[in-house]
Amino acid sequence: RPQRTQLKKRGEMLAAVRRGDTVITGGGFVGKVTKVIDDNELEIDLGGGTKVTALRSTIADVRVKGEPVANQNAKK
């Protein structure tokens, strides 16, 4: 089923988050993972010395180091 496949893919993405990855939170914050606290929490540096603790479940997207940002406005 497509929904089950998407759920599995999301779970794998969240499980693969490592220190140094750039992530986007559900609230729209973009930052770099500085520390994996445990299975549920990450420490994220938002820039300017601002560090926050976020739950893995609130991560909306993971941009691995060096991965270019996909153009959301590209015409298909």
N, C-alpha and C. Protein backbone atom coordinates (compact mmCIF):
# COMPACT_ATOMS: atom_id res chain seq x y z
N ARG A 1 0.84 -1.19 0.00
CA ARG A 1 0.00 0.00 0.00
C ARG A 1 0.87 1.24 0.00
N PRO A 2 0.48 2.25 -0.74
CA PRO A 2 1.28 3.47 -0.83
C PRO A 2 1.50 4.16 0.51
N GLN A 3 0.46 4.23 1.35
CA GLN A 3 0.60 4.92 2.63
C GLN A 3 1.57 4.18 3.54
N ARG A 4 1.49 2.87 3.54
CA ARG A 4 2.39 2.06 4.37
C ARG A 4 3.83 2.23 3.89
N THR A 5 4.03 2.31 2.59
CA THR A 5 5.36 2.52 2.02
C THR A 5 5.91 3.87 2.44
N GLN A 6 5.07 4.91 2.39
CA GLN A 6 5.51 6.24 2.80
C GLN A 6 5.87 6.26 4.28
N LEU A 7 5.09 5.59 5.10
CA LEU A 7 5.34 5.54 6.54
C LEU A 7 6.66 4.83 6.83
N LYS A 8 6.92 3.75 6.11
CA LYS A 8 8.16 3.01 6.29
C LYS A 8 9.36 3.86 5.87
N LYS A 9 9.22 4.56 4.74
CA LYS A 9 10.29 5.42 4.24
C LYS A 9 10.59 6.54 5.23
N ARG A 10 9.55 7.13 5.81
CA ARG A 10 9.73 8.20 6.80
C ARG A 10 10.44 7.67 8.05
N GLY A 11 10.03 6.49 8.50
CA GLY A 11 10.67 5.88 9.67
C GLY A 11 12.14 5.62 9.44
N GLU A 12 12.48 5.15 8.25
CA GLU A 12 13.89 4.90 7.91
C GLU A 12 14.67 6.21 7.87
N MET A 13 14.04 7.27 7.33
CA MET A 13 14.70 8.57 7.25
C MET A 13 14.99 9.09 8.66
N LEU A 14 14.01 9.01 9.55
CA LEU A 14 14.20 9.51 10.91
C LEU A 14 15.22 8.69 11.68
N ALA A 15 15.26 7.39 11.44
CA ALA A 15 16.21 6.52 12.13
C ALA A 15 17.64 6.78 11.65
N ALA A 16 17.79 7.30 10.43
CA ALA A 16 19.11 7.50 9.85
C ALA A 16 19.70 8.88 10.14
N VAL A 17 19.00 9.72 10.90
CA VAL A 17 19.52 11.06 11.20
C VAL A 17 20.80 10.94 12.02
N ARG A 18 21.85 11.63 11.57
CA ARG A 18 23.15 11.59 12.23
C ARG A 18 23.63 13.00 12.51
N ARG A 19 24.65 13.10 13.38
CA ARG A 19 25.26 14.39 13.67
C ARG A 19 25.83 14.97 12.38
N GLY A 20 25.58 16.24 12.16
CA GLY A 20 26.07 16.91 10.95
C GLY A 20 25.02 17.03 9.86
N ASP A 21 23.93 16.29 9.96
CA ASP A 21 22.86 16.38 8.96
C ASP A 21 22.10 17.68 9.14
N THR A 22 21.65 18.25 8.04
CA THR A 22 20.79 19.43 8.09
C THR A 22 19.35 18.94 8.06
N VAL A 23 18.55 19.44 9.00
CA VAL A 23 17.16 18.98 9.11
C VAL A 23 16.21 20.17 9.09
N ILE A 24 14.96 19.89 8.74
CA ILE A 24 13.88 20.87 8.79
C ILE A 24 12.85 20.34 9.77
N THR A 25 12.49 21.15 10.76
CA THR A 25 11.50 20.71 11.74
C THR A 25 10.09 20.97 11.21
N GLY A 26 9.12 20.41 11.87
CA GLY A 26 7.73 20.61 11.50
C GLY A 26 7.32 22.07 11.60
N GLY A 27 7.99 22.83 12.46
CA GLY A 27 7.70 24.25 12.62
C GLY A 27 8.39 25.12 11.60
N GLY A 28 9.21 24.51 10.74
CA GLY A 28 9.87 25.27 9.68
C GLY A 28 11.29 25.71 10.00
N PHE A 29 11.82 25.34 11.16
CA PHE A 29 13.19 25.70 11.49
C PHE A 29 14.16 24.81 10.73
N VAL A 30 15.23 25.41 10.22
CA VAL A 30 16.27 24.68 9.53
C VAL A 30 17.52 24.76 10.37
N GLY A 31 18.12 23.62 10.65
CA GLY A 31 19.32 23.62 11.47
C GLY A 31 20.15 22.38 11.25
N LYS A 32 21.31 22.35 11.90
CA LYS A 32 22.23 21.24 11.78
C LYS A 32 22.21 20.43 13.08
N VAL A 33 22.13 19.12 12.95
CA VAL A 33 22.13 18.24 14.12
C VAL A 33 23.53 18.27 14.73
N THR A 34 23.62 18.68 16.01
CA THR A 34 24.91 18.73 16.69
C THR A 34 25.09 17.56 17.64
N LYS A 35 23.98 16.93 18.04
CA LYS A 35 24.09 15.85 19.01
C LYS A 35 22.83 14.99 18.94
N VAL A 36 23.03 13.68 18.95
CA VAL A 36 21.90 12.76 19.06
C VAL A 36 21.82 12.37 20.53
N ILE A 37 20.81 12.89 21.22
CA ILE A 37 20.68 12.69 22.67
C ILE A 37 20.26 11.26 22.99
N ASP A 38 19.20 10.79 22.38
CA ASP A 38 18.76 9.40 22.54
C ASP A 38 17.90 9.04 21.33
N ASP A 39 17.15 7.96 21.43
CA ASP A 39 16.34 7.51 20.30
C ASP A 39 15.24 8.50 19.91
N ASN A 40 14.85 9.38 20.84
CA ASN A 40 13.74 10.28 20.58
C ASN A 40 14.13 11.75 20.44
N GLU A 41 15.32 12.15 20.90
CA GLU A 41 15.67 13.56 20.93
C GLU A 41 16.97 13.86 20.20
N LEU A 42 16.99 15.03 19.58
CA LEU A 42 18.16 15.54 18.87
C LEU A 42 18.44 16.96 19.34
N GLU A 43 19.70 17.35 19.35
CA GLU A 43 20.05 18.74 19.61
C GLU A 43 20.37 19.36 18.25
N ILE A 44 19.72 20.48 17.96
CA ILE A 44 19.86 21.13 16.65
C ILE A 44 20.38 22.54 16.83
N ASP A 45 21.41 22.90 16.04
CA ASP A 45 21.96 24.25 16.05
C ASP A 45 21.25 25.03 14.94
N LEU A 46 20.54 26.08 15.34
CA LEU A 46 19.78 26.89 14.37
C LEU A 46 20.61 28.02 13.80
N GLY A 47 21.83 28.18 14.26
CA GLY A 47 22.69 29.26 13.80
C GLY A 47 22.74 30.36 14.83
N GLY A 48 23.81 31.10 14.83
CA GLY A 48 23.96 32.19 15.79
C GLY A 48 24.12 31.70 17.22
N GLY A 49 24.54 30.45 17.37
CA GLY A 49 24.73 29.91 18.71
C GLY A 49 23.46 29.43 19.38
N THR A 50 22.34 29.45 18.66
CA THR A 50 21.07 29.00 19.23
C THR A 50 20.94 27.49 19.03
N LYS A 51 20.87 26.77 20.15
CA LYS A 51 20.70 25.32 20.08
C LYS A 51 19.38 24.95 20.73
N VAL A 52 18.66 24.06 20.09
CA VAL A 52 17.37 23.60 20.61
C VAL A 52 17.35 22.08 20.64
N THR A 53 16.51 21.54 21.50
CA THR A 53 16.29 20.10 21.55
C THR A 53 14.97 19.83 20.85
N ALA A 54 14.99 18.88 19.91
CA ALA A 54 13.78 18.56 19.15
C ALA A 54 13.54 17.05 19.20
N LEU A 55 12.29 16.67 19.15
CA LEU A 55 11.93 15.27 19.07
C LEU A 55 12.11 14.79 17.63
N ARG A 56 12.56 13.58 17.47
CA ARG A 56 12.73 13.02 16.11
C ARG A 56 11.41 13.08 15.34
N SER A 57 10.31 12.84 16.04
CA SER A 57 9.01 12.79 15.36
C SER A 57 8.60 14.14 14.77
N THR A 58 9.23 15.24 15.22
CA THR A 58 8.88 16.56 14.69
C THR A 58 9.73 16.93 13.48
N ILE A 59 10.68 16.09 13.10
CA ILE A 59 11.52 16.38 11.95
C ILE A 59 10.69 16.13 10.68
N ALA A 60 10.59 17.15 9.85
CA ALA A 60 9.79 17.04 8.63
C ALA A 60 10.61 16.52 7.46
N ASP A 61 11.90 16.90 7.40
CA ASP A 61 12.73 16.51 6.28
C ASP A 61 14.18 16.49 6.72
N VAL A 62 14.98 15.66 6.08
CA VAL A 62 16.41 15.58 6.36
C VAL A 62 17.15 15.86 5.07
N ARG A 63 18.03 16.84 5.13
CA ARG A 63 18.92 17.11 4.01
C ARG A 63 20.30 16.65 4.45
N VAL A 64 20.76 15.57 3.90
CA VAL A 64 22.07 15.03 4.28
C VAL A 64 23.15 16.00 3.85
N LYS A 65 24.28 15.97 4.53
CA LYS A 65 25.39 16.89 4.25
C LYS A 65 25.66 16.98 2.75
N GLY A 66 25.71 18.19 2.24
CA GLY A 66 26.07 18.42 0.85
C GLY A 66 24.96 18.17 -0.15
N GLU A 67 23.80 17.76 0.29
CA GLU A 67 22.70 17.51 -0.64
C GLU A 67 22.08 18.84 -1.05
N PRO A 68 21.97 19.10 -2.34
CA PRO A 68 21.37 20.36 -2.77
C PRO A 68 19.89 20.43 -2.43
N VAL A 69 19.41 21.63 -2.23
CA VAL A 69 18.00 21.85 -1.92
C VAL A 69 17.20 21.66 -3.20
N ALA A 70 16.16 20.85 -3.14
CA ALA A 70 15.31 20.64 -4.31
C ALA A 70 14.49 21.90 -4.55
N ASN A 71 14.35 22.28 -5.80
CA ASN A 71 13.58 23.47 -6.14
C ASN A 71 12.10 23.11 -6.07
N GLN A 72 11.41 23.62 -5.07
CA GLN A 72 10.00 23.30 -4.87
C GLN A 72 9.11 23.93 -5.94
N ASN A 73 9.60 24.99 -6.59
CA ASN A 73 8.78 25.70 -7.56
C ASN A 73 9.02 25.25 -9.00
N ALA A 74 9.82 24.22 -9.17
CA ALA A 74 10.14 23.76 -10.52
C ALA A 74 8.88 23.22 -11.20
N LYS A 75 8.71 23.59 -12.46
CA LYS A 75 7.55 23.10 -13.21
C LYS A 75 7.86 21.69 -13.71
N LYS A 76 6.85 20.84 -13.65
CA LYS A 76 7.05 19.45 -14.06
C LYS A 76 6.42 19.18 -15.40
